[in-house]
Amino acid sequence: MALPERVETRECSLLRPGLSAGLHAGLSAAIYCALPGGRVKVPTRDEIERFCVPGDFKRCPTYQRHAAR
């Protein structure tokens, strides 16, 4: 299953486009979540399809855990 070509990042305050392999050894992704304290979470394809693509980010467990901080 391929990642979507374009994911809207304007709605979710955590979601960012692109992640270079230079940030973390061996890590690259089309999108990532920028968490408080500089941490990074790369959502799974399932999470992207369930929460990011349809804009249902308020149901995303990562968003619920970190957005209010």
N, C-alpha and C. Protein backbone atom coordinates (compact mmCIF):
# COMPACT_ATOMS: atom_id res chain seq x y z
N MET A 1 0.85 -1.18 0.00
CA MET A 1 0.00 0.00 0.00
C MET A 1 0.90 1.24 0.00
N ALA A 2 0.69 2.11 -0.93
CA ALA A 2 1.51 3.31 -1.05
C ALA A 2 0.96 4.44 -0.19
N LEU A 3 1.84 5.32 0.24
CA LEU A 3 1.42 6.50 0.98
C LEU A 3 0.70 7.45 0.03
N PRO A 4 -0.26 8.21 0.53
CA PRO A 4 -0.93 9.19 -0.33
C PRO A 4 0.07 10.22 -0.83
N GLU A 5 -0.15 10.69 -2.06
CA GLU A 5 0.77 11.67 -2.63
C GLU A 5 0.71 13.00 -1.90
N ARG A 6 -0.45 13.37 -1.42
CA ARG A 6 -0.59 14.68 -0.76
C ARG A 6 -1.48 14.52 0.46
N VAL A 7 -0.99 14.99 1.58
CA VAL A 7 -1.76 14.96 2.82
C VAL A 7 -1.87 16.40 3.32
N GLU A 8 -3.06 16.85 3.60
CA GLU A 8 -3.26 18.20 4.13
C GLU A 8 -2.69 18.27 5.54
N THR A 9 -1.83 19.21 5.78
CA THR A 9 -1.24 19.35 7.11
C THR A 9 -1.72 20.61 7.81
N ARG A 10 -2.58 21.39 7.18
CA ARG A 10 -3.02 22.65 7.77
C ARG A 10 -3.90 22.45 8.99
N GLU A 11 -4.67 21.39 9.02
CA GLU A 11 -5.62 21.19 10.11
C GLU A 11 -4.96 20.70 11.40
N CYS A 12 -4.14 19.69 11.29
CA CYS A 12 -3.51 19.10 12.47
C CYS A 12 -2.27 19.91 12.84
N SER A 13 -2.21 20.36 14.07
CA SER A 13 -1.08 21.19 14.50
C SER A 13 0.21 20.39 14.68
N LEU A 14 0.13 19.07 14.69
CA LEU A 14 1.31 18.24 14.89
C LEU A 14 1.91 17.73 13.58
N LEU A 15 1.10 17.58 12.56
CA LEU A 15 1.52 16.95 11.32
C LEU A 15 2.40 17.86 10.48
N ARG A 16 3.49 17.32 9.98
CA ARG A 16 4.43 18.07 9.15
C ARG A 16 4.75 17.27 7.90
N PRO A 17 4.97 17.93 6.78
CA PRO A 17 5.34 17.21 5.56
C PRO A 17 6.82 16.86 5.57
N GLY A 18 7.13 15.68 5.09
CA GLY A 18 8.50 15.25 4.87
C GLY A 18 9.37 15.12 6.10
N LEU A 19 10.27 14.19 6.07
CA LEU A 19 11.23 13.96 7.14
C LEU A 19 12.48 13.41 6.48
N SER A 20 13.57 14.08 6.66
CA SER A 20 14.80 13.62 6.01
C SER A 20 15.47 12.55 6.85
N ALA A 21 16.19 11.70 6.19
CA ALA A 21 16.90 10.61 6.87
C ALA A 21 17.97 11.14 7.81
N GLY A 22 18.40 12.39 7.62
CA GLY A 22 19.44 12.96 8.46
C GLY A 22 19.01 13.24 9.89
N LEU A 23 17.71 13.38 10.14
CA LEU A 23 17.25 13.67 11.49
C LEU A 23 17.49 12.50 12.44
N HIS A 24 17.14 11.33 12.00
CA HIS A 24 17.33 10.11 12.80
C HIS A 24 17.90 9.05 11.88
N ALA A 25 18.83 8.30 12.36
CA ALA A 25 19.50 7.30 11.53
C ALA A 25 18.50 6.36 10.87
N GLY A 26 18.52 6.35 9.55
CA GLY A 26 17.69 5.42 8.80
C GLY A 26 16.22 5.78 8.73
N LEU A 27 15.82 6.93 9.16
CA LEU A 27 14.41 7.28 9.22
C LEU A 27 14.06 8.26 8.10
N SER A 28 13.07 7.91 7.31
CA SER A 28 12.55 8.83 6.32
C SER A 28 11.05 8.56 6.17
N ALA A 29 10.28 9.60 5.94
CA ALA A 29 8.84 9.45 5.84
C ALA A 29 8.26 10.59 5.03
N ALA A 30 7.09 10.35 4.44
CA ALA A 30 6.40 11.38 3.67
C ALA A 30 5.84 12.45 4.61
N ILE A 31 5.39 12.04 5.77
CA ILE A 31 4.87 12.97 6.79
C ILE A 31 5.29 12.47 8.16
N TYR A 32 5.25 13.38 9.14
CA TYR A 32 5.56 12.98 10.51
C TYR A 32 4.82 13.91 11.47
N CYS A 33 4.76 13.51 12.73
CA CYS A 33 4.15 14.31 13.78
C CYS A 33 5.27 14.94 14.61
N ALA A 34 5.26 16.26 14.72
CA ALA A 34 6.23 16.98 15.54
C ALA A 34 5.65 17.11 16.94
N LEU A 35 6.19 16.34 17.88
CA LEU A 35 5.67 16.29 19.24
C LEU A 35 6.39 17.29 20.12
N PRO A 36 5.79 17.64 21.26
CA PRO A 36 6.45 18.56 22.20
C PRO A 36 7.81 18.02 22.62
N GLY A 37 8.72 18.92 22.90
CA GLY A 37 10.05 18.53 23.34
C GLY A 37 10.95 18.09 22.20
N GLY A 38 10.54 18.32 20.95
CA GLY A 38 11.38 17.97 19.81
C GLY A 38 11.29 16.53 19.37
N ARG A 39 10.44 15.75 20.00
CA ARG A 39 10.30 14.36 19.59
C ARG A 39 9.54 14.26 18.27
N VAL A 40 9.73 13.15 17.57
CA VAL A 40 9.10 12.91 16.28
C VAL A 40 8.42 11.56 16.30
N LYS A 41 7.21 11.50 15.74
CA LYS A 41 6.50 10.22 15.56
C LYS A 41 6.12 10.10 14.10
N VAL A 42 6.49 9.00 13.49
CA VAL A 42 6.09 8.73 12.12
C VAL A 42 4.84 7.87 12.18
N PRO A 43 3.70 8.40 11.68
CA PRO A 43 2.48 7.62 11.74
C PRO A 43 2.55 6.41 10.81
N THR A 44 1.88 5.35 11.21
CA THR A 44 1.80 4.16 10.36
C THR A 44 0.91 4.45 9.16
N ARG A 45 0.98 3.62 8.16
CA ARG A 45 0.10 3.80 7.00
C ARG A 45 -1.36 3.74 7.42
N ASP A 46 -1.68 2.85 8.36
CA ASP A 46 -3.04 2.74 8.86
C ASP A 46 -3.49 4.04 9.52
N GLU A 47 -2.63 4.64 10.34
CA GLU A 47 -2.96 5.91 11.00
C GLU A 47 -3.15 7.02 9.97
N ILE A 48 -2.30 7.04 8.96
CA ILE A 48 -2.43 8.06 7.91
C ILE A 48 -3.77 7.93 7.21
N GLU A 49 -4.15 6.71 6.86
CA GLU A 49 -5.41 6.49 6.16
C GLU A 49 -6.62 6.76 7.04
N ARG A 50 -6.53 6.44 8.34
CA ARG A 50 -7.67 6.61 9.24
C ARG A 50 -7.84 8.03 9.75
N PHE A 51 -6.73 8.73 10.00
CA PHE A 51 -6.83 10.04 10.66
C PHE A 51 -6.35 11.20 9.80
N CYS A 52 -5.23 11.06 9.13
CA CYS A 52 -4.62 12.18 8.41
C CYS A 52 -5.32 12.50 7.10
N VAL A 53 -5.51 11.50 6.26
CA VAL A 53 -6.08 11.73 4.93
C VAL A 53 -7.51 12.27 5.00
N PRO A 54 -8.39 11.67 5.80
CA PRO A 54 -9.77 12.20 5.83
C PRO A 54 -9.92 13.45 6.70
N GLY A 55 -8.85 13.90 7.34
CA GLY A 55 -8.95 15.09 8.20
C GLY A 55 -9.60 14.81 9.54
N ASP A 56 -9.58 13.55 9.96
CA ASP A 56 -10.21 13.14 11.22
C ASP A 56 -9.17 13.11 12.35
N PHE A 57 -8.26 14.09 12.32
CA PHE A 57 -7.13 14.10 13.25
C PHE A 57 -7.53 14.22 14.71
N LYS A 58 -8.69 14.78 15.02
CA LYS A 58 -9.10 14.93 16.42
C LYS A 58 -9.38 13.58 17.08
N ARG A 59 -9.56 12.53 16.30
CA ARG A 59 -9.73 11.18 16.84
C ARG A 59 -8.41 10.44 16.94
N CYS A 60 -7.35 11.03 16.42
CA CYS A 60 -6.03 10.39 16.43
C CYS A 60 -5.49 10.35 17.87
N PRO A 61 -5.07 9.17 18.33
CA PRO A 61 -4.53 9.06 19.69
C PRO A 61 -3.31 9.96 19.94
N THR A 62 -2.45 10.11 18.95
CA THR A 62 -1.28 10.96 19.11
C THR A 62 -1.70 12.41 19.27
N TYR A 63 -2.64 12.86 18.46
CA TYR A 63 -3.14 14.24 18.56
C TYR A 63 -3.79 14.46 19.92
N GLN A 64 -4.63 13.53 20.34
CA GLN A 64 -5.33 13.67 21.62
C GLN A 64 -4.33 13.73 22.79
N ARG A 65 -3.26 12.99 22.70
CA ARG A 65 -2.28 12.93 23.78
C ARG A 65 -1.41 14.18 23.85
N HIS A 66 -1.10 14.79 22.70
CA HIS A 66 -0.09 15.84 22.69
C HIS A 66 -0.57 17.24 22.30
N ALA A 67 -1.69 17.38 21.63
CA ALA A 67 -2.10 18.69 21.11
C ALA A 67 -2.49 19.67 22.21
N ALA A 68 -2.99 19.20 23.31
CA ALA A 68 -3.46 20.07 24.37
C ALA A 68 -2.30 20.64 25.20
N ARG A 69 -1.11 20.14 25.03
CA ARG A 69 0.05 20.57 25.83
C ARG A 69 0.60 21.87 25.35
